[in-house]
Amino acid sequence: MFLTQELILASSSSGNVSVYRHTCNQNLQKVEMEILWQGLHQNQGTPCSCTCITSRNNEIVSVGEDGRINVLDMNKNQPIRTIDKADSSTTNAVKFLKQCEIITVNSCGQLKTWDLRQHTNEPAKIFLLTGEQVPLNCVDKHPHQPHIVASGGQDGMLSIWDMRQERLPVTLLDAHSSDTWEVKFHESRPDNIFTCSEDGAVWHWNGSSMSSQPGKANVSNVLPLTSQHEESTASPWLASDASKHRIDITDLIPGNIMSVNSLDIENNTFLCGSDAEAVYIVSNLTIW
């Protein structure tokens, strides 16, 4: 992931986290390691995968197969904080909720919030998907309403959580036939969510359709992607209509059967990577 236009943050299966600098001079491009935090994640002395990283300003958080949380500072060579036993299972994803709060999901089907200002090693809240401990693989937060969180799991479901009150998902949507590997809100149009899966499907979920007639998008709400707009405090993802499937879904790569492992969206350009050793780019995507 890019930290700045020049700095790239990366993690590895050996439990390391690195920052690389990308420079471009005339026709020559170089990528050089700037910072290395080595051996952040290990099981009984054996290196294990750093499964996810997230950043906010100069602060970086890493999680891994060892259930450990590391808080890093770009200006320091050692972690500024480590929570050794944050999870008894693999922590699969992490995301900043606010300046000093993060959210994690694990292989026991738990979603946890952590207040990094507190000195305790216990989570602030624990949310549970089901009693069957279905692993959660990915998580993302609403860009304008951080109490709204989306997650995807081994059962392919898309789960929407309200961090203010419920300890269970407020909305459960039947999605993919296999693991959901990544979920992402559109940064400026968060009524749109994107998911990708082991089953090869890449879906665009258009929640704005729930504010109009079933199966139809509300064309009067279309705005240029670059414009600023005032967002309603009511989110369609917390509405009962979502669970009744009054929502438009578009398959962005029809017919694909190879697992799609990651995705990203910038304005109306979408891209994703798959087990087919291919990167798919969808340009001029319609975003409501």
Protein backbone atom coordinates (compact mmCIF):
# COMPACT_ATOMS: atom_id res chain seq x y z
CA MET A 1 0.00 0.00 0.00
CA PHE A 2 1.14 3.57 -0.71
CA LEU A 3 1.94 5.76 2.30
CA THR A 4 2.87 8.73 0.11
CA GLN A 5 3.55 9.19 -3.59
CA GLU A 6 7.03 7.76 -3.01
CA LEU A 7 6.73 5.46 0.02
CA ILE A 8 5.26 1.94 -0.20
CA LEU A 9 4.33 -0.16 2.84
CA ALA A 10 4.60 -3.95 2.54
CA SER A 11 4.40 -7.06 4.74
CA SER A 12 5.72 -10.60 4.19
CA SER A 13 5.12 -14.24 5.03
CA SER A 14 8.30 -14.14 7.14
CA GLY A 15 6.66 -11.74 9.60
CA ASN A 16 8.47 -8.61 8.42
CA VAL A 17 7.11 -5.14 7.66
CA SER A 18 8.99 -2.88 5.25
CA VAL A 19 8.81 0.59 3.79
CA TYR A 20 10.18 1.06 0.27
CA ARG A 21 10.96 4.26 -1.58
CA HIS A 22 10.01 4.46 -5.24
CA THR A 23 11.88 7.03 -7.29
CA CYS A 24 11.65 7.89 -10.95
CA ASN A 25 14.46 9.81 -12.64
CA GLN A 26 14.08 10.31 -16.38
CA ASN A 27 13.70 6.76 -17.75
CA LEU A 28 15.01 4.99 -14.65
CA GLN A 29 12.71 3.73 -11.88
CA LYS A 30 14.11 2.43 -8.60
CA VAL A 31 12.57 0.75 -5.55
CA GLU A 32 14.81 0.71 -2.49
CA MET A 33 14.14 -0.43 1.07
CA GLU A 34 13.89 2.52 3.44
CA ILE A 35 12.83 0.86 6.73
CA LEU A 36 12.69 -2.78 7.89
CA TRP A 37 10.98 -4.11 11.01
CA GLN A 38 12.12 -7.72 11.17
CA GLY A 39 10.57 -10.70 12.94
CA LEU A 40 7.46 -8.91 14.16
CA HIS A 41 5.36 -12.07 13.91
CA GLN A 42 6.43 -15.55 15.04
CA ASN A 43 5.07 -18.70 16.61
CA GLN A 44 7.34 -20.22 19.26
CA GLY A 45 10.36 -18.57 17.67
CA THR A 46 9.44 -19.57 14.11
CA PRO A 47 8.60 -16.70 11.73
CA CYS A 48 4.99 -16.60 10.53
CA SER A 49 2.99 -14.45 8.15
CA CYS A 50 2.11 -10.85 8.75
CA THR A 51 -1.44 -11.10 7.40
CA CYS A 52 -2.38 -7.42 7.23
CA ILE A 53 -1.09 -3.87 7.75
CA THR A 54 -2.80 -0.51 8.05
CA SER A 55 -1.51 3.04 8.49
CA ARG A 56 -2.59 6.47 9.64
CA ASN A 57 -0.19 9.41 9.47
CA ASN A 58 3.18 8.12 10.80
CA GLU A 59 1.65 5.19 12.68
CA ILE A 60 1.47 1.64 11.30
CA VAL A 61 -0.28 -1.40 12.79
CA SER A 62 0.52 -5.00 11.80
CA VAL A 63 -1.30 -8.24 12.65
CA GLY A 64 -0.43 -11.84 11.88
CA GLU A 65 -0.91 -15.58 12.21
CA ASP A 66 0.46 -15.40 15.77
CA GLY A 67 -2.47 -13.24 16.95
CA ARG A 68 -0.08 -10.41 17.81
CA ILE A 69 -0.68 -6.70 17.24
CA ASN A 70 2.33 -4.43 16.64
CA VAL A 71 2.14 -0.65 16.64
CA LEU A 72 4.97 0.97 14.67
CA ASP A 73 6.21 4.52 14.27
CA MET A 74 7.85 5.56 11.00
CA ASN A 75 10.54 7.36 12.97
CA LYS A 76 11.48 4.46 15.28
CA ASN A 77 13.27 1.19 14.60
CA GLN A 78 11.36 -0.85 17.17
CA PRO A 79 7.61 -1.26 17.77
CA ILE A 80 6.27 1.38 20.13
CA ARG A 81 3.73 -1.14 21.43
CA THR A 82 3.09 -4.88 21.13
CA ILE A 83 0.00 -6.78 22.26
CA ASP A 84 1.31 -10.35 22.34
CA LYS A 85 -1.91 -12.27 22.91
CA ALA A 86 -4.46 -10.09 21.19
CA ASP A 87 -5.95 -13.24 19.65
CA SER A 88 -5.71 -16.96 20.27
CA SER A 89 -6.20 -17.52 16.53
CA THR A 90 -4.96 -15.86 13.36
CA THR A 91 -5.80 -12.18 13.06
CA ASN A 92 -6.72 -11.83 9.39
CA ALA A 93 -7.25 -8.08 8.93
CA VAL A 94 -6.86 -4.73 10.66
CA LYS A 95 -8.13 -1.22 9.96
CA PHE A 96 -7.93 2.17 11.67
CA LEU A 97 -11.39 3.27 12.85
CA LYS A 98 -10.29 6.62 14.29
CA GLN A 99 -7.03 8.30 15.20
CA CYS A 100 -6.32 5.99 18.16
CA GLU A 101 -8.74 3.13 17.52
CA ILE A 102 -8.34 0.04 15.35
CA ILE A 103 -10.56 -2.86 14.43
CA THR A 104 -9.45 -6.47 13.83
CA VAL A 105 -11.12 -9.66 12.59
CA ASN A 106 -9.94 -13.19 13.31
CA SER A 107 -10.36 -16.85 12.39
CA CYS A 108 -12.81 -17.42 15.27
CA GLY A 109 -15.41 -15.14 13.69
CA GLN A 110 -14.74 -12.27 16.10
CA LEU A 111 -14.52 -8.59 15.33
CA LYS A 112 -12.66 -6.58 18.00
CA THR A 113 -12.10 -2.88 18.58
CA TRP A 114 -8.95 -1.64 20.34
CA ASP A 115 -8.28 1.75 21.91
CA LEU A 116 -4.53 2.31 21.55
CA ARG A 117 -4.63 5.09 24.17
CA GLN A 118 -5.42 2.52 26.86
CA HIS A 119 -2.59 0.55 28.44
CA THR A 120 -4.65 -2.61 28.78
CA ASN A 121 -4.07 -5.56 26.46
CA GLU A 122 -7.81 -6.26 26.30
CA PRO A 123 -10.07 -5.14 23.43
CA ALA A 124 -12.56 -2.33 24.03
CA LYS A 125 -15.37 -4.40 22.47
CA ILE A 126 -15.83 -7.87 21.02
CA PHE A 127 -18.41 -8.58 18.32
CA LEU A 128 -19.30 -12.10 17.14
CA LEU A 129 -20.54 -13.11 13.71
CA THR A 130 -22.30 -16.35 14.71
CA GLY A 131 -22.07 -19.09 17.30
CA GLU A 132 -20.36 -21.31 14.73
CA GLN A 133 -17.07 -19.38 14.74
CA VAL A 134 -17.00 -18.78 10.98
CA PRO A 135 -13.62 -17.13 10.20
CA LEU A 136 -13.67 -13.48 9.15
CA ASN A 137 -11.14 -12.67 6.41
CA CYS A 138 -11.46 -8.94 5.73
CA VAL A 139 -12.84 -5.69 7.10
CA ASP A 140 -13.34 -2.09 6.00
CA LYS A 141 -14.94 0.98 7.54
CA HIS A 142 -17.32 3.53 6.08
CA PRO A 143 -15.14 6.53 5.08
CA HIS A 144 -17.53 9.14 6.53
CA GLN A 145 -19.32 7.20 9.27
CA PRO A 146 -16.68 5.09 11.04
CA HIS A 147 -19.26 3.34 13.23
CA ILE A 148 -20.38 1.47 10.09
CA VAL A 149 -18.11 -1.48 9.31
CA ALA A 150 -18.29 -4.19 6.63
CA SER A 151 -16.66 -7.62 6.83
CA GLY A 152 -16.41 -10.76 4.70
CA GLY A 153 -15.77 -14.30 5.82
CA GLN A 154 -15.23 -17.93 4.99
CA ASP A 155 -18.95 -18.46 4.37
CA GLY A 156 -19.01 -15.76 1.66
CA MET A 157 -21.45 -13.55 3.59
CA LEU A 158 -21.22 -9.77 3.56
CA SER A 159 -21.79 -8.54 7.13
CA ILE A 160 -22.54 -4.95 8.15
CA TRP A 161 -21.88 -3.90 11.75
CA ASP A 162 -22.89 -0.87 13.81
CA MET A 163 -20.10 -0.16 16.31
CA ARG A 164 -22.34 2.06 18.45
CA GLN A 165 -24.70 -0.54 19.77
CA GLU A 166 -24.91 -4.09 18.44
CA ARG A 167 -22.54 -6.94 19.24
CA LEU A 168 -23.91 -8.89 16.29
CA PRO A 169 -24.11 -7.79 12.62
CA VAL A 170 -27.08 -5.54 11.90
CA THR A 171 -27.23 -6.72 8.28
CA LEU A 172 -26.27 -10.08 6.77
CA LEU A 173 -26.26 -10.42 2.98
CA ASP A 174 -25.91 -13.67 1.05
CA ALA A 175 -22.96 -13.06 -1.18
CA HIS A 176 -20.34 -15.44 -2.53
CA SER A 177 -20.28 -19.24 -2.63
CA SER A 178 -16.79 -19.34 -1.07
CA ASP A 179 -14.41 -17.16 0.98
CA THR A 180 -14.74 -13.41 0.64
CA TRP A 181 -11.14 -12.16 0.47
CA GLU A 182 -11.60 -8.41 0.43
CA VAL A 183 -14.34 -5.83 1.01
CA LYS A 184 -14.04 -2.10 0.32
CA PHE A 185 -16.28 0.95 0.54
CA HIS A 186 -15.96 3.49 -2.24
CA GLU A 187 -14.08 6.42 -0.70
CA SER A 188 -16.38 9.21 -1.91
CA ARG A 189 -19.53 7.18 -2.68
CA PRO A 190 -19.82 4.79 0.30
CA ASP A 191 -23.28 3.60 -0.77
CA ASN A 192 -21.14 1.43 -3.07
CA ILE A 193 -19.26 -1.62 -1.73
CA PHE A 194 -16.94 -3.94 -3.65
CA THR A 195 -16.13 -7.57 -2.77
CA CYS A 196 -14.00 -10.33 -4.30
CA SER A 197 -14.00 -14.04 -3.58
CA GLU A 198 -12.38 -17.43 -3.87
CA ASP A 199 -15.21 -18.35 -6.27
CA GLY A 200 -13.85 -15.86 -8.82
CA ALA A 201 -16.69 -13.35 -8.48
CA VAL A 202 -16.06 -9.62 -8.13
CA TRP A 203 -19.21 -7.79 -7.11
CA HIS A 204 -20.22 -4.15 -7.06
CA TRP A 205 -22.97 -3.65 -4.45
CA ASN A 206 -25.04 -0.52 -5.17
CA GLY A 207 -26.77 0.45 -1.93
CA SER A 208 -28.20 3.65 -3.43
CA SER A 209 -30.84 1.49 -5.16
CA MET A 210 -32.46 1.02 -1.74
CA SER A 211 -33.46 4.69 -1.68
CA SER A 212 -35.55 4.28 -4.83
CA GLN A 213 -37.72 1.57 -6.37
CA PRO A 214 -36.61 -2.06 -6.04
CA GLY A 215 -34.07 -2.97 -8.70
CA LYS A 216 -33.67 0.61 -9.93
CA ALA A 217 -30.96 3.11 -9.10
CA ASN A 218 -31.92 6.61 -8.06
CA VAL A 219 -30.63 8.49 -11.10
CA SER A 220 -31.47 11.91 -9.59
CA ASN A 221 -28.75 11.35 -6.97
CA VAL A 222 -25.91 10.99 -9.48
CA LEU A 223 -23.11 13.55 -8.90
CA PRO A 224 -19.67 14.00 -10.50
CA LEU A 225 -17.14 11.89 -8.62
CA THR A 226 -14.87 14.86 -8.03
CA SER A 227 -17.53 17.06 -6.44
CA GLN A 228 -18.09 17.56 -2.72
CA HIS A 229 -21.52 16.61 -1.43
CA GLU A 230 -23.31 16.49 1.87
CA GLU A 231 -23.96 12.93 2.94
CA SER A 232 -27.08 11.85 4.72
CA THR A 233 -26.59 10.53 8.23
CA ALA A 234 -28.78 7.56 7.32
CA SER A 235 -26.90 4.74 5.63
CA PRO A 236 -28.65 2.19 3.39
CA TRP A 237 -26.34 -0.49 4.81
CA LEU A 238 -28.12 -0.26 8.18
CA ALA A 239 -31.59 -0.29 6.64
CA SER A 240 -33.89 -3.30 6.77
CA ASP A 241 -34.22 -3.12 2.97
CA ALA A 242 -30.63 -4.34 2.69
CA SER A 243 -31.42 -7.65 4.36
CA LYS A 244 -34.44 -8.00 2.06
CA HIS A 245 -32.06 -7.84 -0.92
CA ARG A 246 -33.41 -4.61 -2.38
CA ILE A 247 -29.96 -3.94 -3.69
CA ASP A 248 -28.35 -3.90 -7.13
CA ILE A 249 -25.34 -6.20 -7.62
CA THR A 250 -23.11 -6.16 -10.70
CA ASP A 251 -20.54 -8.86 -11.48
CA LEU A 252 -17.52 -6.93 -12.76
CA ILE A 253 -15.72 -9.98 -14.23
CA PRO A 254 -18.45 -12.28 -15.57
CA GLY A 255 -17.43 -15.88 -16.15
CA ASN A 256 -14.23 -15.73 -14.09
CA ILE A 257 -13.64 -18.88 -12.02
CA MET A 258 -10.17 -18.21 -10.61
CA SER A 259 -9.90 -16.79 -7.11
CA VAL A 260 -9.69 -12.99 -6.91
CA ASN A 261 -7.60 -12.10 -3.87
CA SER A 262 -7.45 -8.31 -3.70
CA LEU A 263 -9.08 -5.21 -5.13
CA ASP A 264 -8.97 -1.43 -5.11
CA ILE A 265 -11.11 1.41 -6.40
CA GLU A 266 -10.13 5.01 -7.16
CA ASN A 267 -12.90 7.33 -8.41
CA ASN A 268 -14.45 5.26 -11.22
CA THR A 269 -11.44 3.05 -11.99
CA PHE A 270 -11.47 -0.43 -10.44
CA LEU A 271 -8.71 -3.03 -10.40
CA CYS A 272 -8.20 -6.47 -8.87
CA GLY A 273 -5.68 -9.33 -8.90
CA SER A 274 -6.40 -13.03 -9.31
CA ASP A 275 -4.89 -16.52 -9.14
CA ALA A 276 -4.82 -16.41 -12.94
CA GLU A 277 -1.73 -14.18 -12.57
CA ALA A 278 -3.74 -11.36 -14.09
CA VAL A 279 -4.67 -7.85 -13.04
CA TYR A 280 -8.11 -6.78 -14.24
CA ILE A 281 -8.89 -3.09 -14.76
CA VAL A 282 -12.43 -1.77 -15.18
CA SER A 283 -12.50 1.86 -16.31
CA ASN A 284 -15.40 4.35 -16.39
CA LEU A 285 -17.32 2.36 -13.80
CA THR A 286 -20.77 3.78 -13.04
CA ILE A 287 -20.84 4.88 -9.41
CA TRP A 288 -24.18 6.08 -8.03
